[in-house]
Every structure is written in C-alpha cells, then in structure tokens.
Amino acid sequence: MLIIAGTLVGIILGIRQARARGGNRRDQALQATVQGIILGICGLLLTIILNRMG
C-alpha cells in the first residue's frame, strides 16, 4: 500500500516540478518516472520496517 502511494505521489510531484522548471513533455515524463521510482523504493523500505516492527 505504501509503495503504491509513494509511487503516485512521486509521479505527481515530478510532473509539477518539471512544469515549474519549464520542461517539455519528455522532461516531465522523465522527472515523474525518476521521482516515482525513488519514492516507491522509500515506500518499500518503510513497509519492510513496519512489518518487522509489528
């Protein structure tokens, strides 16, 4: 659940950040992909930590 949420938040933030910098569609897609992957991995790590604690 946290992985999906992290990925979606990363995609949304990536698109917004690329638009603010004046990027074209390719820049927006690249930024959204990178941030989606990074926040998805953070969500995965958080899920693992929470499962180990509980």
N, C-alpha and C. Protein backbone atom coordinates (compact mmCIF):
# COMPACT_ATOMS: atom_id res chain seq x y z
N MET A 1 0.81 -1.18 0.00
CA MET A 1 0.00 0.00 0.00
C MET A 1 0.87 1.27 0.00
N LEU A 2 1.88 1.28 0.83
CA LEU A 2 2.77 2.44 0.88
C LEU A 2 3.59 2.58 -0.39
N ILE A 3 3.86 1.46 -1.04
CA ILE A 3 4.64 1.51 -2.28
C ILE A 3 3.84 2.22 -3.37
N ILE A 4 2.57 1.85 -3.48
CA ILE A 4 1.71 2.47 -4.50
C ILE A 4 1.53 3.96 -4.20
N ALA A 5 1.29 4.28 -2.94
CA ALA A 5 1.10 5.69 -2.56
C ALA A 5 2.37 6.49 -2.84
N GLY A 6 3.52 5.94 -2.49
CA GLY A 6 4.78 6.64 -2.74
C GLY A 6 5.04 6.86 -4.23
N THR A 7 4.72 5.85 -5.02
CA THR A 7 4.91 5.97 -6.46
C THR A 7 4.00 7.05 -7.05
N LEU A 8 2.73 7.04 -6.65
CA LEU A 8 1.80 8.04 -7.17
C LEU A 8 2.18 9.46 -6.75
N VAL A 9 2.56 9.62 -5.50
CA VAL A 9 2.99 10.94 -5.03
C VAL A 9 4.24 11.39 -5.78
N GLY A 10 5.16 10.47 -6.01
CA GLY A 10 6.37 10.80 -6.76
C GLY A 10 6.09 11.24 -8.18
N ILE A 11 5.14 10.57 -8.82
CA ILE A 11 4.78 10.94 -10.19
C ILE A 11 4.17 12.33 -10.22
N ILE A 12 3.26 12.59 -9.30
CA ILE A 12 2.61 13.91 -9.26
C ILE A 12 3.62 15.02 -8.97
N LEU A 13 4.49 14.78 -7.98
CA LEU A 13 5.50 15.79 -7.65
C LEU A 13 6.49 15.99 -8.80
N GLY A 14 6.84 14.91 -9.48
CA GLY A 14 7.77 15.01 -10.60
C GLY A 14 7.22 15.84 -11.74
N ILE A 15 5.96 15.62 -12.05
CA ILE A 15 5.34 16.40 -13.13
C ILE A 15 5.26 17.87 -12.75
N ARG A 16 4.84 18.15 -11.52
CA ARG A 16 4.74 19.54 -11.07
C ARG A 16 6.09 20.24 -11.07
N GLN A 17 7.13 19.53 -10.65
CA GLN A 17 8.46 20.13 -10.60
C GLN A 17 8.99 20.40 -12.01
N ALA A 18 8.76 19.48 -12.93
CA ALA A 18 9.24 19.68 -14.30
C ALA A 18 8.48 20.82 -14.98
N ARG A 19 7.19 20.94 -14.71
CA ARG A 19 6.42 22.05 -15.29
C ARG A 19 6.91 23.39 -14.75
N ALA A 20 7.22 23.43 -13.46
CA ALA A 20 7.70 24.67 -12.85
C ALA A 20 9.04 25.10 -13.45
N ARG A 21 9.83 24.14 -13.87
CA ARG A 21 11.13 24.45 -14.48
C ARG A 21 11.01 24.73 -15.98
N GLY A 22 9.80 24.60 -16.53
CA GLY A 22 9.60 24.90 -17.94
C GLY A 22 9.97 23.75 -18.86
N GLY A 23 9.86 22.53 -18.38
CA GLY A 23 10.22 21.37 -19.20
C GLY A 23 9.12 20.96 -20.16
N ASN A 24 9.52 20.32 -21.25
CA ASN A 24 8.54 19.81 -22.20
C ASN A 24 7.98 18.48 -21.69
N ARG A 25 7.16 17.82 -22.50
CA ARG A 25 6.52 16.58 -22.05
C ARG A 25 7.52 15.47 -21.74
N ARG A 26 8.57 15.41 -22.51
CA ARG A 26 9.59 14.38 -22.27
C ARG A 26 10.29 14.62 -20.93
N ASP A 27 10.61 15.86 -20.64
CA ASP A 27 11.22 16.20 -19.35
C ASP A 27 10.28 15.86 -18.20
N GLN A 28 9.00 16.15 -18.38
CA GLN A 28 8.02 15.86 -17.34
C GLN A 28 7.91 14.36 -17.11
N ALA A 29 7.89 13.58 -18.19
CA ALA A 29 7.80 12.12 -18.06
C ALA A 29 9.04 11.56 -17.37
N LEU A 30 10.20 12.07 -17.73
CA LEU A 30 11.44 11.59 -17.12
C LEU A 30 11.50 11.94 -15.64
N GLN A 31 11.16 13.16 -15.30
CA GLN A 31 11.17 13.58 -13.90
C GLN A 31 10.16 12.79 -13.08
N ALA A 32 8.96 12.57 -13.64
CA ALA A 32 7.93 11.81 -12.95
C ALA A 32 8.36 10.37 -12.74
N THR A 33 9.03 9.77 -13.72
CA THR A 33 9.49 8.40 -13.61
C THR A 33 10.55 8.26 -12.53
N VAL A 34 11.51 9.14 -12.53
CA VAL A 34 12.60 9.08 -11.55
C VAL A 34 12.06 9.28 -10.14
N GLN A 35 11.24 10.30 -9.94
CA GLN A 35 10.72 10.54 -8.59
C GLN A 35 9.75 9.45 -8.16
N GLY A 36 9.00 8.89 -9.10
CA GLY A 36 8.11 7.78 -8.77
C GLY A 36 8.88 6.56 -8.30
N ILE A 37 9.99 6.27 -8.97
CA ILE A 37 10.82 5.13 -8.57
C ILE A 37 11.45 5.38 -7.20
N ILE A 38 11.97 6.56 -7.00
CA ILE A 38 12.63 6.87 -5.72
C ILE A 38 11.64 6.78 -4.56
N LEU A 39 10.47 7.41 -4.69
CA LEU A 39 9.51 7.37 -3.60
C LEU A 39 8.88 5.99 -3.46
N GLY A 40 8.80 5.22 -4.54
CA GLY A 40 8.33 3.84 -4.45
C GLY A 40 9.29 2.98 -3.65
N ILE A 41 10.58 3.18 -3.84
CA ILE A 41 11.58 2.45 -3.07
C ILE A 41 11.53 2.86 -1.60
N CYS A 42 11.32 4.15 -1.35
CA CYS A 42 11.17 4.62 0.05
C CYS A 42 9.94 3.97 0.69
N GLY A 43 8.86 3.86 -0.06
CA GLY A 43 7.66 3.20 0.45
C GLY A 43 7.90 1.73 0.73
N LEU A 44 8.69 1.08 -0.12
CA LEU A 44 9.03 -0.32 0.09
C LEU A 44 9.84 -0.50 1.37
N LEU A 45 10.83 0.35 1.57
CA LEU A 45 11.64 0.27 2.78
C LEU A 45 10.81 0.54 4.02
N LEU A 46 9.91 1.51 3.95
CA LEU A 46 9.05 1.81 5.08
C LEU A 46 8.11 0.64 5.39
N THR A 47 7.60 0.00 4.34
CA THR A 47 6.76 -1.18 4.54
C THR A 47 7.52 -2.31 5.21
N ILE A 48 8.74 -2.56 4.79
CA ILE A 48 9.55 -3.60 5.39
C ILE A 48 9.82 -3.29 6.86
N ILE A 49 10.16 -2.05 7.16
CA ILE A 49 10.44 -1.65 8.55
C ILE A 49 9.20 -1.84 9.42
N LEU A 50 8.04 -1.40 8.92
CA LEU A 50 6.80 -1.53 9.69
C LEU A 50 6.41 -2.99 9.89
N ASN A 51 6.62 -3.84 8.90
CA ASN A 51 6.33 -5.26 9.05
C ASN A 51 7.25 -5.93 10.05
N ARG A 52 8.50 -5.52 10.10
CA ARG A 52 9.46 -6.10 11.05
C ARG A 52 9.15 -5.68 12.48
N MET A 53 8.62 -4.47 12.65
CA MET A 53 8.33 -3.98 13.99
C MET A 53 7.05 -4.61 14.55
N GLY A 54 6.11 -4.96 13.68
CA GLY A 54 4.82 -5.43 14.16
C GLY A 54 4.68 -6.87 14.24
